[in-house]
């Protein structure tokens, strides 16, 4: 499992990570794992909660894992547990919001009451 020491993402990394979320089913998988918390879910539980099973779920988990959005625990050839990689999810949020209102002239000023 990769560890992240810096939550700042480059535009290239952010774009490729967002691309991994470019599927409704992958977004549903990640959302379900985020709702489940840091312990994650077994693959069976994840399939039941999302309605995505078998090779389709495996395919989506592979893409999310390559983007470092989820971690997977394997036993032999089987994936037995998947969990969200909260540090990466938080880094994506920070990437989007880090420059909020940076170009808005009135964003951080107190209203002028005369």
Protein backbone atom coordinates (compact mmCIF):
# COMPACT_ATOMS: atom_id res chain seq x y z
CA UNK A 1 0.00 0.00 0.00
CA UNK A 2 1.28 3.45 -0.86
CA UNK A 3 1.65 6.03 1.87
CA UNK A 4 1.09 9.72 1.25
CA UNK A 5 3.22 12.20 3.11
CA UNK A 6 2.05 15.24 1.14
CA UNK A 7 -1.62 15.82 0.42
CA UNK A 8 -0.84 18.26 -2.41
CA UNK A 9 -1.60 16.74 -5.79
CA UNK A 10 -0.12 17.82 -9.07
CA UNK A 11 -2.60 18.66 -11.82
CA UNK A 12 -1.52 15.51 -13.71
CA UNK A 13 -2.12 13.27 -10.69
CA UNK A 14 -5.42 14.97 -9.88
CA UNK A 15 -6.63 14.58 -13.47
CA UNK A 16 -5.78 10.89 -13.63
CA UNK A 17 -7.38 10.26 -10.24
CA UNK A 18 -10.55 12.09 -11.25
CA UNK A 19 -10.55 10.08 -14.51
CA UNK A 20 -10.75 6.89 -12.44
CA UNK A 21 -14.01 8.24 -11.00
CA UNK A 22 -15.44 8.83 -14.47
CA UNK A 23 -17.86 5.93 -14.19
CA UNK A 24 -21.13 5.94 -12.25
CA UNK A 25 -20.38 2.43 -10.99
CA UNK A 26 -16.85 3.29 -9.78
CA UNK A 27 -18.20 6.40 -8.08
CA UNK A 28 -20.85 4.22 -6.40
CA UNK A 29 -18.18 1.75 -5.26
CA UNK A 30 -16.02 4.51 -3.75
CA UNK A 31 -19.04 6.20 -2.16
CA UNK A 32 -20.13 2.91 -0.60
CA UNK A 33 -16.65 2.31 0.79
CA UNK A 34 -16.43 5.85 2.18
CA UNK A 35 -19.80 5.33 3.91
CA UNK A 36 -18.55 2.02 5.37
CA UNK A 37 -15.52 3.70 6.99
CA UNK A 38 -11.86 2.85 7.37
CA UNK A 39 -12.40 -0.89 7.89
CA UNK A 40 -13.88 -1.25 4.44
CA UNK A 41 -16.04 -4.13 3.30
CA UNK A 42 -15.59 -7.65 2.09
CA UNK A 43 -16.05 -8.00 -1.64
CA UNK A 44 -19.31 -9.84 -1.03
CA UNK A 45 -20.66 -7.02 1.13
CA UNK A 46 -19.53 -4.42 -1.39
CA UNK A 47 -21.28 -6.30 -4.18
CA UNK A 48 -24.49 -6.58 -2.17
CA UNK A 49 -24.51 -2.89 -1.29
CA UNK A 50 -23.74 -1.64 -4.80
CA UNK A 51 -25.48 -4.30 -6.87
CA UNK A 52 -22.23 -4.77 -8.78
CA UNK A 53 -20.73 -8.24 -8.58
CA UNK A 54 -18.24 -10.60 -10.13
CA UNK A 55 -15.79 -9.55 -12.78
CA UNK A 56 -17.41 -6.12 -13.17
CA UNK A 57 -16.76 -5.29 -9.51
CA UNK A 58 -13.22 -6.67 -9.76
CA UNK A 59 -12.61 -4.49 -12.83
CA UNK A 60 -13.84 -1.34 -11.08
CA UNK A 61 -11.81 -2.09 -7.93
CA UNK A 62 -8.69 -2.58 -10.04
CA UNK A 63 -9.10 0.86 -11.62
CA UNK A 64 -9.80 2.51 -8.24
CA UNK A 65 -6.80 0.76 -6.70
CA UNK A 66 -4.53 1.85 -9.57
CA UNK A 67 -5.65 5.43 -8.88
CA UNK A 68 -4.83 4.79 -5.18
CA UNK A 69 -8.42 5.58 -4.17
CA UNK A 70 -8.95 2.20 -2.49
CA UNK A 71 -6.77 -0.34 -0.78
CA UNK A 72 -7.33 -4.06 -1.16
CA UNK A 73 -6.42 -6.97 1.05
CA UNK A 74 -5.76 -10.20 -0.77
CA UNK A 75 -5.74 -13.76 0.38
CA UNK A 76 -4.25 -15.97 -2.28
CA UNK A 77 -5.88 -15.03 -5.57
CA UNK A 78 -8.98 -13.51 -3.97
CA UNK A 79 -9.63 -9.97 -2.82
CA UNK A 80 -11.22 -10.27 0.60
CA UNK A 81 -11.54 -6.65 1.67
CA UNK A 82 -11.57 -3.20 0.11
CA UNK A 83 -11.33 0.11 1.95
CA UNK A 84 -11.21 3.73 0.84
CA UNK A 85 -7.86 5.50 0.89
CA UNK A 86 -9.13 8.55 2.77
CA UNK A 87 -5.89 10.51 2.37
CA UNK A 88 -6.29 10.48 -1.42
CA UNK A 89 -9.99 11.34 -1.25
CA UNK A 90 -9.14 14.25 1.07
CA UNK A 91 -6.32 15.36 -1.23
CA UNK A 92 -8.76 15.46 -4.17
CA UNK A 93 -11.17 17.58 -2.16
CA UNK A 94 -8.36 19.91 -1.13
CA UNK A 95 -7.21 20.16 -4.75
CA UNK A 96 -10.67 21.36 -5.80
CA UNK A 97 -11.16 23.76 -2.91
CA UNK A 98 -7.64 25.05 -2.26
CA UNK A 99 -8.09 28.16 -4.36
CA UNK A 100 -11.73 28.80 -3.60
CA UNK A 101 -12.58 32.44 -4.34
CA UNK A 102 -8.92 33.26 -5.13
CA UNK A 103 -9.95 35.47 -8.06
CA UNK A 104 -13.13 36.88 -6.55
CA UNK A 105 -12.56 40.48 -5.50
CA UNK A 106 -15.35 40.51 -2.91
CA UNK A 107 -14.96 37.00 -1.51
CA UNK A 108 -12.85 37.73 1.57
CA UNK A 109 -13.73 41.36 2.23
CA UNK A 110 -16.19 42.54 4.82
CA UNK A 111 -19.19 44.37 3.33
CA UNK A 112 -18.83 48.14 3.20
CA UNK A 113 -21.69 49.65 5.17
CA UNK A 114 -20.95 53.22 4.27
